[in-house]
Protein backbone atom coordinates (compact mmCIF):
# COMPACT_ATOMS: atom_id res chain seq x y z
CA MET A 1 18.21 -8.92 8.12
CA THR A 2 15.69 -10.38 6.02
CA ALA A 3 12.32 -11.30 8.25
CA VAL A 4 10.91 -14.60 7.07
CA THR A 5 7.73 -15.72 8.12
CA GLY A 6 7.15 -19.07 10.27
CA PRO A 7 5.61 -21.96 8.05
CA GLY A 8 2.21 -21.27 9.15
CA GLU A 9 2.40 -17.46 8.42
CA SER A 10 4.01 -18.41 5.32
CA ARG A 11 1.09 -20.63 3.85
CA LEU A 12 -1.51 -18.13 4.41
CA LEU A 13 0.33 -15.42 3.85
CA VAL A 14 1.18 -16.37 -0.25
CA PRO A 15 -2.81 -16.82 -0.46
CA THR A 16 -3.57 -13.31 0.72
CA LEU A 17 -1.01 -11.42 -1.30
CA LEU A 18 -2.27 -13.39 -4.40
CA PHE A 19 -6.17 -12.31 -3.37
CA ILE A 20 -5.44 -8.89 -2.87
CA ALA A 21 -3.45 -8.52 -5.87
CA LEU A 22 -6.55 -10.10 -8.10
CA LEU A 23 -9.29 -8.55 -6.41
CA THR A 24 -7.46 -5.18 -6.77
CA ALA A 25 -7.31 -5.52 -10.61
CA ALA A 26 -11.17 -7.11 -10.90
CA VAL A 27 -12.88 -4.31 -8.92
CA GLY A 28 -10.87 -1.62 -10.81
CA ALA A 29 -11.76 -3.31 -14.26
CA MET A 30 -15.54 -3.57 -12.92
CA GLY A 31 -15.86 0.08 -14.69
CA ALA A 32 -15.11 -0.87 -18.03
CA PRO A 33 -18.37 -3.46 -18.52
CA LEU A 34 -20.74 -1.23 -16.35
CA ILE A 35 -20.35 2.00 -18.02
CA THR A 36 -23.61 1.68 -20.23
CA SER A 37 -25.62 0.44 -17.53
CA VAL A 38 -24.27 3.49 -15.21
CA ALA A 39 -25.20 5.71 -18.02
CA THR A 40 -28.98 4.32 -18.14
CA THR A 41 -29.29 4.00 -14.14
CA PHE A 42 -27.97 7.68 -13.30
CA HIS A 43 -29.11 9.08 -16.43
CA VAL A 44 -25.76 10.64 -17.41
CA SER A 45 -24.02 10.67 -20.81
CA LEU A 46 -21.90 7.55 -21.79
CA ALA A 47 -18.62 10.44 -21.74
CA SER A 48 -19.62 10.64 -18.32
CA ALA A 49 -20.31 7.62 -16.94
CA GLN A 50 -17.03 6.75 -18.68
CA TRP A 51 -15.42 8.67 -15.69
CA THR A 52 -16.07 5.50 -13.52
CA LEU A 53 -13.03 3.74 -15.11
CA THR A 54 -10.86 6.91 -15.51
CA ILE A 55 -11.49 7.98 -12.25
CA THR A 56 -10.22 4.48 -10.76
CA LEU A 57 -7.04 4.80 -13.05
CA LEU A 58 -6.33 7.88 -12.34
CA SER A 59 -6.61 7.45 -8.41
CA GLY A 60 -4.44 4.32 -8.66
CA ALA A 61 -1.62 5.98 -10.63
CA VAL A 62 -1.90 9.16 -8.40
CA THR A 63 -1.27 7.24 -5.32
CA ALA A 64 0.75 4.54 -6.13
CA PRO A 65 3.94 6.55 -5.63
CA LEU A 66 2.61 7.71 -2.22
CA LEU A 67 2.00 4.71 -0.79
CA GLY A 68 5.44 2.78 -2.64
CA ARG A 69 7.14 5.55 -0.33
CA LEU A 70 5.16 4.50 2.63
CA GLY A 71 5.87 0.92 2.05
CA ALA A 72 9.53 1.63 2.49
CA GLY A 73 9.53 2.41 6.16
CA PRO A 74 8.36 1.06 8.92
CA HIS A 75 4.42 1.22 8.75
CA ARG A 76 4.03 -0.68 5.39
CA ARG A 77 1.50 -3.09 7.57
CA GLY A 78 -0.34 -0.03 8.58
CA THR A 79 -0.48 1.23 4.99
CA ILE A 80 -1.85 -1.76 3.22
CA LEU A 81 -4.97 -2.23 5.75
CA GLY A 82 -5.14 1.68 5.58
CA THR A 83 -5.40 1.01 1.74
CA LEU A 84 -7.76 -1.93 2.14
CA GLY A 85 -9.80 0.04 4.35
CA ILE A 86 -10.38 2.81 1.94
CA VAL A 87 -10.94 0.55 -0.82
CA VAL A 88 -13.71 -1.19 1.56
CA ALA A 89 -15.53 2.43 2.33
CA GLY A 90 -15.42 3.31 -1.29
CA SER A 91 -16.94 -0.23 -2.52
CA ALA A 92 -19.75 0.81 -0.16
CA LEU A 93 -20.19 4.34 -1.47
CA THR A 94 -20.90 2.55 -4.69
CA VAL A 95 -23.79 -0.10 -3.26
CA ILE A 96 -25.46 2.48 -1.32
CA PRO A 97 -28.31 4.17 -3.47
CA LEU A 98 -26.71 7.23 -3.98
CA SER A 99 -25.99 10.26 -6.42
CA PHE A 100 -23.83 9.60 -9.50
CA GLY A 101 -21.22 12.04 -7.52
CA TRP A 102 -20.90 9.81 -4.89
CA LEU A 103 -20.53 6.93 -7.02
CA LEU A 104 -17.46 8.22 -8.44
CA VAL A 105 -15.86 9.31 -5.07
CA GLY A 106 -16.23 5.60 -4.39
CA ARG A 107 -14.94 4.58 -7.61
CA ALA A 108 -11.52 6.59 -7.07
CA CYS A 109 -11.36 5.02 -3.44
CA GLN A 110 -11.43 1.60 -5.23
CA GLY A 111 -8.58 2.89 -7.46
CA VAL A 112 -6.33 3.50 -4.49
CA GLY A 113 -6.09 -0.25 -4.20
CA LEU A 114 -4.67 -0.34 -7.65
CA GLY A 115 -1.62 1.54 -6.16
CA GLY A 116 -1.24 -0.69 -3.32
CA VAL A 117 0.27 -3.48 -5.19
CA ALA A 118 3.84 -2.75 -5.48
CA LEU A 119 3.27 -3.04 -1.49
CA ILE A 120 2.49 -6.65 -1.26
CA MET A 121 5.37 -6.93 -3.96
CA GLY A 122 7.50 -6.00 -1.05
CA VAL A 123 5.79 -7.95 1.65
CA ALA A 124 6.80 -11.05 -0.47
CA ARG A 125 10.19 -10.19 -1.15
CA ASP A 126 10.99 -9.28 2.75
CA HIS A 127 9.13 -11.97 4.50
CA LEU A 128 9.78 -15.22 2.21
CA PRO A 129 12.43 -17.22 1.35
CA GLU A 130 14.54 -16.27 -1.25
CA ASP A 131 13.96 -19.44 -3.53
CA ARG A 132 10.45 -18.33 -3.44
CA SER A 133 9.90 -14.86 -3.03
CA PRO A 134 10.63 -14.02 -7.09
CA GLY A 135 8.02 -16.33 -8.09
CA VAL A 136 5.42 -14.90 -5.78
CA VAL A 137 6.59 -11.49 -6.91
CA ALA A 138 6.19 -12.13 -10.31
CA PHE A 139 2.64 -13.96 -9.77
CA VAL A 140 1.48 -11.22 -8.12
CA SER A 141 2.43 -8.79 -11.08
CA VAL A 142 0.33 -11.31 -13.46
CA ALA A 143 -2.41 -11.68 -11.10
CA SER A 144 -2.27 -7.57 -10.63
CA THR A 145 -3.02 -7.27 -14.51
CA ILE A 146 -4.71 -10.72 -16.11
CA GLY A 147 -7.57 -10.05 -13.07
CA ILE A 148 -8.91 -7.50 -15.13
CA GLY A 149 -10.57 -10.60 -16.96
CA VAL A 150 -11.68 -11.96 -13.89
CA GLY A 151 -13.83 -8.90 -12.73
CA TYR A 152 -14.99 -8.41 -16.47
CA PRO A 153 -17.52 -11.34 -16.69
CA LEU A 154 -18.44 -11.36 -12.71
CA ALA A 155 -20.08 -7.92 -13.55
CA GLY A 156 -21.42 -8.31 -16.24
CA LEU A 157 -23.34 -11.07 -15.27
CA LEU A 158 -24.41 -10.00 -11.98
CA VAL A 159 -25.77 -6.13 -13.61
CA GLU A 160 -27.57 -8.52 -16.33
CA ILE A 161 -29.55 -10.21 -12.67
CA GLY A 162 -29.62 -7.65 -9.98
CA GLY A 163 -28.78 -4.28 -11.74
CA ILE A 164 -25.77 -2.08 -11.32
CA ARG A 165 -25.73 -2.04 -7.65
CA ALA A 166 -25.51 -5.77 -7.55
CA ALA A 167 -22.50 -5.53 -9.60
CA TYR A 168 -21.01 -3.36 -7.37
CA ALA A 169 -21.71 -5.29 -4.11
CA LEU A 170 -19.58 -8.12 -5.62
CA GLY A 171 -16.61 -5.67 -4.93
CA LEU A 172 -18.06 -4.78 -1.73
CA PHE A 173 -17.82 -8.38 -0.95
CA VAL A 174 -14.56 -9.64 -1.98
CA THR A 175 -12.95 -6.45 -0.24
CA ALA A 176 -14.39 -6.69 2.77
CA LEU A 177 -13.19 -10.45 3.37
CA ALA A 178 -9.51 -9.43 1.96
CA LEU A 179 -9.27 -7.16 5.31
CA PRO A 180 -9.23 -9.36 7.81
CA LEU A 181 -7.07 -11.40 5.92
CA ALA A 182 -4.62 -8.95 5.57
CA ALA A 183 -5.11 -8.05 9.03
CA VAL A 184 -4.05 -11.69 10.42
CA SER A 185 -1.36 -12.51 7.85
CA ILE A 186 0.70 -9.29 6.70
CA PRO A 187 3.79 -9.14 9.04
CA ALA A 188 5.54 -6.01 10.40
CA ALA A 189 8.32 -4.56 8.15
CA PRO A 190 12.06 -5.45 8.62
CA ALA A 191 13.23 -3.32 11.66
CA GLY A 192 15.21 -0.46 10.88
CA ARG A 193 13.63 0.81 7.99
CA SER A 194 12.46 4.60 7.60
CA ALA A 195 10.81 6.77 5.22
CA ARG A 196 9.72 10.26 4.85
CA LEU A 197 7.12 11.66 2.60
CA ASP A 198 8.10 14.24 0.33
CA VAL A 199 4.84 16.62 0.51
CA PRO A 200 5.85 18.91 -2.28
CA ALA A 201 6.92 16.02 -4.86
CA ALA A 202 3.74 14.29 -4.15
CA LEU A 203 2.00 17.25 -5.20
CA LEU A 204 3.80 17.99 -8.14
CA LEU A 205 3.69 14.07 -9.07
CA ALA A 206 -0.27 13.86 -8.53
CA ALA A 207 -0.79 16.94 -10.36
CA GLY A 208 1.44 15.93 -13.43
CA LEU A 209 -0.17 12.48 -13.62
CA ALA A 210 -3.84 13.94 -12.92
CA ALA A 211 -2.98 16.21 -15.99
CA LEU A 212 -1.59 13.94 -18.69
CA LEU A 213 -4.35 10.78 -17.49
CA LEU A 214 -7.04 13.61 -17.98
CA ALA A 215 -5.56 14.31 -21.65
CA VAL A 216 -5.11 10.69 -22.73
CA SER A 217 -8.08 9.43 -21.24
CA GLU A 218 -10.56 11.95 -22.61
CA THR A 219 -10.23 11.36 -26.27
CA GLY A 220 -13.22 13.95 -26.84
CA LEU A 221 -10.88 16.60 -26.02
CA TRP A 222 -8.39 15.86 -29.14
CA SER A 223 -11.35 16.11 -31.69
CA ARG A 224 -13.71 19.15 -29.71
CA HIS A 225 -11.23 20.95 -27.54
CA LEU A 226 -7.63 20.61 -29.17
CA GLY A 227 -6.12 23.93 -27.12
CA MET A 228 -7.23 22.39 -24.35
CA ALA A 229 -5.37 19.15 -24.68
CA VAL A 230 -2.53 20.50 -25.93
CA THR A 231 -2.19 22.89 -22.98
CA LEU A 232 -3.23 19.66 -20.37
CA VAL A 233 -0.22 17.84 -22.02
CA ALA A 234 2.10 20.70 -21.86
CA ALA A 235 0.86 21.09 -18.26
CA ALA A 236 1.57 17.75 -17.28
CA VAL A 237 5.32 17.53 -19.13
CA ALA A 238 6.46 20.89 -17.15
CA LEU A 239 4.91 19.31 -14.06
CA LEU A 240 6.49 15.89 -14.46
CA VAL A 241 10.20 17.61 -15.49
CA THR A 242 10.07 19.84 -12.30
CA TRP A 243 9.23 17.10 -10.04
CA ALA A 244 12.08 15.15 -11.66
CA LEU A 245 14.48 17.21 -11.03
CA HIS A 246 13.24 18.01 -7.65
CA GLU A 247 13.59 14.40 -7.10
CA CYS A 248 17.36 14.19 -7.97
CA ARG A 249 17.73 16.83 -5.32
CA ALA A 250 15.89 15.50 -2.58
CA PRO A 251 17.94 13.80 0.43
CA ALA A 252 14.60 11.69 1.05
CA PRO A 253 12.94 11.35 -2.58
CA LEU A 254 9.14 10.05 -3.03
CA VAL A 255 10.56 8.17 -5.74
CA ASN A 256 14.12 6.79 -6.04
CA VAL A 257 14.85 8.22 -9.48
CA ARG A 258 18.65 7.40 -9.37
CA LEU A 259 17.68 4.13 -10.01
CA LEU A 260 16.27 5.24 -13.21
CA ARG A 261 20.16 5.50 -14.00
CA HIS A 262 20.47 1.88 -14.57
CA ARG A 263 19.75 0.58 -17.92
CA ALA A 264 18.18 -2.24 -16.42
CA VAL A 265 15.42 -0.43 -14.48
CA ALA A 266 14.98 2.59 -17.11
CA GLY A 267 14.84 0.01 -20.01
CA ALA A 268 12.21 -1.78 -17.93
CA ASN A 269 9.90 1.10 -17.56
CA LEU A 270 10.37 2.38 -21.26
CA VAL A 271 9.47 -1.10 -22.10
CA MET A 272 6.54 -1.34 -19.86
CA LEU A 273 5.03 1.97 -21.04
CA ILE A 274 5.35 0.67 -24.57
CA GLY A 275 4.18 -2.68 -24.02
CA GLY A 276 1.16 -1.20 -22.00
CA VAL A 277 -0.10 0.66 -25.12
CA GLY A 278 -0.06 -2.19 -26.97
CA MET A 279 -1.48 -4.88 -24.87
CA TYR A 280 -4.26 -2.80 -23.50
CA LEU A 281 -5.36 -1.58 -27.18
CA LEU A 282 -5.55 -5.33 -28.16
CA LEU A 283 -7.84 -6.14 -25.33
CA THR A 284 -9.60 -2.91 -26.28
CA LEU A 285 -10.14 -3.85 -29.96
CA ILE A 286 -11.18 -7.40 -29.32
CA THR A 287 -13.77 -6.56 -26.61
CA ARG A 288 -15.17 -3.67 -28.68
CA TYR A 289 -15.33 -5.87 -31.74
CA ALA A 290 -17.22 -8.93 -30.32
CA GLN A 291 -20.00 -6.54 -28.96
CA THR A 292 -20.52 -4.75 -32.00
CA PRO A 293 -23.51 -5.55 -33.83
CA PRO A 294 -23.58 -7.62 -37.03
CA THR A 295 -25.83 -5.13 -38.72
CA ALA A 296 -22.49 -3.06 -39.02
CA GLY A 297 -21.27 -5.71 -41.25
CA TYR A 298 -18.94 -7.04 -38.57
CA GLY A 299 -18.97 -8.49 -34.95
CA PHE A 300 -20.94 -10.94 -33.21
CA GLY A 301 -23.32 -8.43 -31.32
CA LEU A 302 -22.17 -9.88 -27.59
CA THR A 303 -23.94 -9.10 -24.69
CA THR A 304 -21.97 -7.49 -21.89
CA PHE A 305 -21.92 -10.76 -19.90
CA VAL A 306 -21.14 -12.93 -23.01
CA ALA A 307 -18.58 -10.71 -24.26
CA GLY A 308 -16.97 -10.93 -20.41
CA LEU A 309 -16.77 -14.71 -21.00
CA ALA A 310 -14.65 -14.12 -24.01
CA LEU A 311 -11.75 -13.14 -21.59
CA VAL A 312 -11.88 -15.99 -20.01
CA PRO A 313 -9.00 -17.34 -22.16
CA PHE A 314 -7.16 -14.22 -21.43
CA SER A 315 -7.04 -14.93 -17.94
CA ALA A 316 -6.79 -18.89 -17.85
CA LEU A 317 -3.86 -18.54 -20.41
CA GLY A 318 -2.31 -15.76 -18.30
CA PHE A 319 -2.07 -17.48 -15.26
CA VAL A 320 -0.60 -20.76 -16.97
CA ALA A 321 1.79 -18.23 -18.14
CA GLY A 322 2.59 -17.01 -14.75
CA GLN A 323 3.16 -20.48 -13.73
CA VAL A 324 5.89 -21.18 -16.44
CA THR A 325 7.77 -18.16 -16.86
CA PRO A 326 10.12 -18.54 -13.41
CA GLY A 327 11.52 -21.61 -14.80
CA LEU A 328 11.78 -19.72 -17.96
CA ARG A 329 13.39 -16.93 -16.50
CA ALA A 330 16.01 -18.98 -15.06
CA ARG A 331 16.92 -20.42 -17.99
CA PHE A 332 16.99 -17.44 -20.28
CA GLY A 333 17.09 -14.48 -18.21
CA ALA A 334 14.18 -11.72 -17.85
CA PRO A 335 15.44 -9.73 -20.43
CA ALA A 336 14.65 -12.24 -23.03
CA LEU A 337 11.34 -13.57 -21.55
CA LEU A 338 10.25 -9.51 -21.62
CA ALA A 339 11.17 -9.95 -25.84
CA ALA A 340 9.19 -13.24 -26.26
CA SER A 341 6.40 -12.36 -24.39
CA ALA A 342 5.92 -9.00 -26.60
CA LEU A 343 6.56 -10.89 -29.17
CA ILE A 344 3.44 -13.39 -28.30
CA VAL A 345 1.27 -10.27 -28.07
CA LEU A 346 2.50 -9.11 -31.54
CA VAL A 347 1.55 -12.40 -33.06
CA ALA A 348 -1.80 -11.74 -31.57
CA PHE A 349 -1.91 -8.50 -33.27
CA ALA A 350 -0.93 -9.84 -36.37
CA CYS A 351 -3.57 -13.00 -36.42
CA PHE A 352 -6.42 -10.40 -34.98
CA ALA A 353 -5.26 -7.78 -38.13
CA VAL A 354 -5.82 -10.70 -40.70
CA ALA A 355 -8.44 -12.96 -38.97
CA ARG A 356 -11.17 -11.78 -36.79
CA GLY A 357 -14.70 -13.04 -38.53
CA ASN A 358 -14.63 -16.06 -36.66
CA LEU A 359 -15.37 -16.18 -32.68
CA ALA A 360 -13.51 -19.28 -32.21
CA VAL A 361 -10.40 -17.52 -33.92
CA LEU A 362 -11.01 -14.48 -31.35
CA LEU A 363 -11.22 -16.58 -28.45
CA VAL A 364 -7.60 -17.97 -29.28
CA GLU A 365 -6.33 -14.44 -30.37
CA MET A 366 -7.74 -13.70 -26.50
CA GLY A 367 -5.79 -16.47 -25.32
CA VAL A 368 -2.61 -16.13 -27.18
CA LEU A 369 -2.61 -11.91 -25.82
CA GLY A 370 -3.44 -14.04 -21.92
CA PHE A 371 -0.24 -15.68 -22.29
CA GLY A 372 2.12 -12.92 -23.84
CA VAL A 373 0.49 -10.51 -21.11
CA GLY A 374 0.78 -13.44 -18.11
CA SER A 375 4.60 -13.75 -19.29
CA PHE A 376 5.32 -10.15 -20.00
CA SER A 377 3.80 -9.40 -16.24
CA ALA A 378 5.71 -12.13 -14.80
CA ALA A 379 8.96 -10.90 -15.94
CA MET A 380 8.92 -7.44 -15.41
CA PRO A 381 9.56 -7.31 -11.78
CA ALA A 382 12.69 -9.79 -12.16
CA VAL A 383 14.32 -6.94 -14.16
CA ILE A 384 13.92 -4.33 -12.38
CA LEU A 385 14.42 -5.68 -8.77
CA ALA A 386 17.82 -7.30 -9.78
CA VAL A 387 19.41 -4.15 -9.53
CA THR A 388 16.90 -3.03 -6.23
CA PRO A 389 17.52 -2.73 -2.78
CA LYS A 390 15.12 -4.92 -0.56
CA SER A 391 14.08 -1.50 1.15
CA GLU A 392 13.21 0.09 -2.24
CA THR A 393 10.89 -2.84 -3.57
CA SER A 394 7.93 -1.09 -2.74
CA SER A 395 8.73 2.24 -4.32
CA ALA A 396 10.44 0.62 -7.77
CA MET A 397 7.67 -1.30 -8.35
CA SER A 398 5.08 1.71 -7.54
CA PHE A 399 6.48 3.84 -10.00
CA ASN A 400 6.46 0.72 -12.65
CA GLN A 401 2.89 0.65 -11.66
CA VAL A 402 2.49 3.92 -12.87
CA VAL A 403 4.10 3.68 -15.80
CA ARG A 404 1.63 0.56 -16.70
CA SER A 405 -1.32 2.68 -15.50
CA VAL A 406 -0.18 5.64 -18.41
CA GLY A 407 0.45 2.95 -20.91
CA PHE A 408 -2.94 1.24 -20.18
CA SER A 409 -4.57 4.46 -20.48
CA LEU A 410 -2.47 5.35 -23.66
CA GLY A 411 -3.70 2.06 -25.57
CA SER A 412 -7.22 2.37 -24.56
CA ALA A 413 -7.01 6.22 -26.03
CA LEU A 414 -5.01 5.50 -29.04
CA GLY A 415 -7.71 2.69 -29.91
CA GLY A 416 -10.60 5.15 -29.48
CA LEU A 417 -8.97 7.95 -31.72
CA VAL A 418 -8.10 5.32 -34.58
CA LEU A 419 -11.64 3.61 -34.23
CA ALA A 420 -13.30 7.51 -34.52
CA ALA A 421 -11.40 8.29 -37.46
CA GLY A 422 -12.50 5.17 -39.39
CA THR A 423 -15.96 6.19 -38.44
CA SER A 424 -17.62 8.01 -41.53
CA ALA A 425 -20.26 10.86 -40.59
CA GLY A 426 -23.64 9.20 -40.08
CA ARG A 427 -22.58 6.14 -39.13
CA VAL A 428 -22.29 4.73 -35.53
CA PHE A 429 -19.70 2.09 -36.01
CA PRO A 430 -16.23 2.09 -37.25
CA ALA A 431 -15.41 0.44 -40.80
CA ASP A 432 -13.94 -3.11 -40.31
CA GLY A 433 -10.88 -1.96 -41.55
CA SER A 434 -10.25 0.46 -38.74
CA TYR A 435 -10.05 -2.41 -36.81
CA ALA A 436 -6.65 -3.73 -38.89
CA THR A 437 -5.44 -0.56 -39.01
CA ALA A 438 -5.09 -0.26 -35.12
CA ALA A 439 -4.05 -3.95 -34.71
CA TRP A 440 -1.17 -3.42 -36.84
CA ILE A 441 -0.04 0.29 -35.24
CA GLY A 442 -0.42 -1.97 -31.59
CA ALA A 443 1.99 -4.69 -33.35
CA ALA A 444 4.27 -2.13 -34.31
CA ALA A 445 4.37 -0.88 -30.92
CA MET A 446 5.20 -4.56 -29.81
CA ALA A 447 8.09 -4.77 -32.02
CA VAL A 448 9.63 -1.86 -30.33
CA SER A 449 8.93 -3.00 -26.83
CA ALA A 450 10.82 -6.41 -27.94
CA THR A 451 13.36 -4.65 -29.07
CA ALA A 452 13.57 -2.56 -26.54
CA SER A 453 13.73 -5.30 -23.94
CA LEU A 454 17.18 -6.64 -25.70
CA THR A 455 19.21 -3.83 -26.32
CA LEU A 456 17.98 -1.54 -22.98
CA THR A 457 17.81 -4.09 -20.32
CA GLY A 458 21.36 -6.34 -21.71
CA ARG A 459 20.53 -8.92 -23.67
CA GLY A 460 22.67 -12.18 -22.82
CA THR A 461 23.53 -11.05 -19.19
CA GLY A 462 21.07 -12.95 -17.57
CA LEU A 463 19.85 -9.91 -15.57
CA GLY A 464 16.71 -10.26 -13.66
CA THR A 465 17.24 -13.87 -13.00
CA ALA A 466 17.73 -13.49 -9.50
CA PRO A 467 16.80 -10.51 -7.06
CA ALA A 468 19.60 -8.27 -5.72
CA HIS A 469 20.43 -8.50 -2.26
CA GLU A 470 20.64 -5.24 0.04
CA PRO A 471 23.38 -5.07 2.25
CA GLU A 472 22.95 -6.07 5.90
CA SER A 473 23.63 -2.86 8.87
CA GLY A 474 27.33 -2.24 9.04
CA PRO A 475 30.25 -2.90 6.95
CA ALA A 476 30.16 -5.70 4.62
CA PRO A 477 32.50 -8.25 4.48
CA ALA A 478 35.11 -8.11 2.32
CA ALA A 479 34.98 -11.60 0.96
CA ALA A 480 31.49 -11.21 0.41
CA THR A 481 30.52 -13.09 -2.56
CA PRO A 482 27.18 -12.52 -4.71
CA PRO A 483 24.92 -15.72 -4.86
CA ALA A 484 25.11 -17.74 -8.28
CA GLY A 485 22.88 -16.33 -10.74
CA ASN A 486 22.87 -12.95 -9.19
CA SER A 487 25.36 -10.19 -10.69
CA GLY A 488 25.73 -8.77 -7.28
CA ARG A 489 24.99 -5.21 -8.46
CA SER A 490 22.46 -2.80 -6.65
CA VAL A 491 21.88 0.99 -7.17
CA GLN A 492 22.03 2.66 -4.11
């Protein structure tokens, strides 16, 4: 039986869920604008400082499936509180004046919060009325993505005012605030849930993801140590294939890979991977272009803080998209909305490829990107959850979060490789034309994503317009009728 909170609890629950999703994304993204400051403060190379971002993404991707499986059982509330506790402890390590190694440990702990977003989606789906939970799940997905643009300008401002520790103190403050809010508002999981943690599967998946994300994040490996990069990718493929085969035979899999047999789920994750590459690629291109000094022949030489403000249109339009998406999804279906969102991002790519010499135009392009990313993020859960039992919400969405992290990392790496290839010997900055090249590559990726959204998730079926229902315990009535707008299908 679905557990629904009382009116008072519901009013507090939804803001708490959105706040947690927003702050985990914002805290995770704080590494990007602080890389240069970390390098100068700790006297390390920029490549080493880059690990303050890499290790956060890696930690989030590796822990997401573990948290998702724990979230499918009776201890979801404890898992959420424990996750936030780890994030608070990690935030404290980033503020205390310790060595660079401890800073990386703190950032890794903060990354665990990125893996917990799927759990709060499960809470929303279980404890909110059925006419409200899809919209909240969609907005949680939007907040967990658009929150990237919230952390960037705040971190840039604080590092200019009070240094690197002041910027990280913001993360400590917001995470310390979220923990008591979660403690008083997150309800226990519905009765009857169970979850067993498959330790061998967890180790295989963690090792495979670590090798894959290390290979795609460290772009220098491909130019200086090609053999090592290829070895890492080969090891990652071998480990992930072994993990998938193990999951197919496991009685209690870490991730229910059987769900991937459904065209909607498999297609949605493929779309997320390709779309994630494109979306993060354009975000990287625009911010890097804006910070390039005019002496390079292009760019605007924006400071870290002002460049962060350029992300305000990204976040603002992303949240607007999150508000209007539920109505559009009900009318046109989630697959069509995914395709349209991908095409919006494609338009942003095309505009950046042909017109980027004016800062106002750049801000408009950032806003278009934000709207496309916001609507894409809002539509994605509906496609997956329409054919996913409620008990598997956290597990299914945690896998999608992993796919998103891999896509974002690939997008960041692709941008770095294309711009590096466009940098002539003896020059610091790439040629202006290399940005156009990268933009057209991203546009092609979004075209593939749009096509896959329609062909793999079932064009015209209306799939994703409403969440699937989990059968009650015991035999279902023979005359049970699926609710309107729902196919009634679920993958067990």
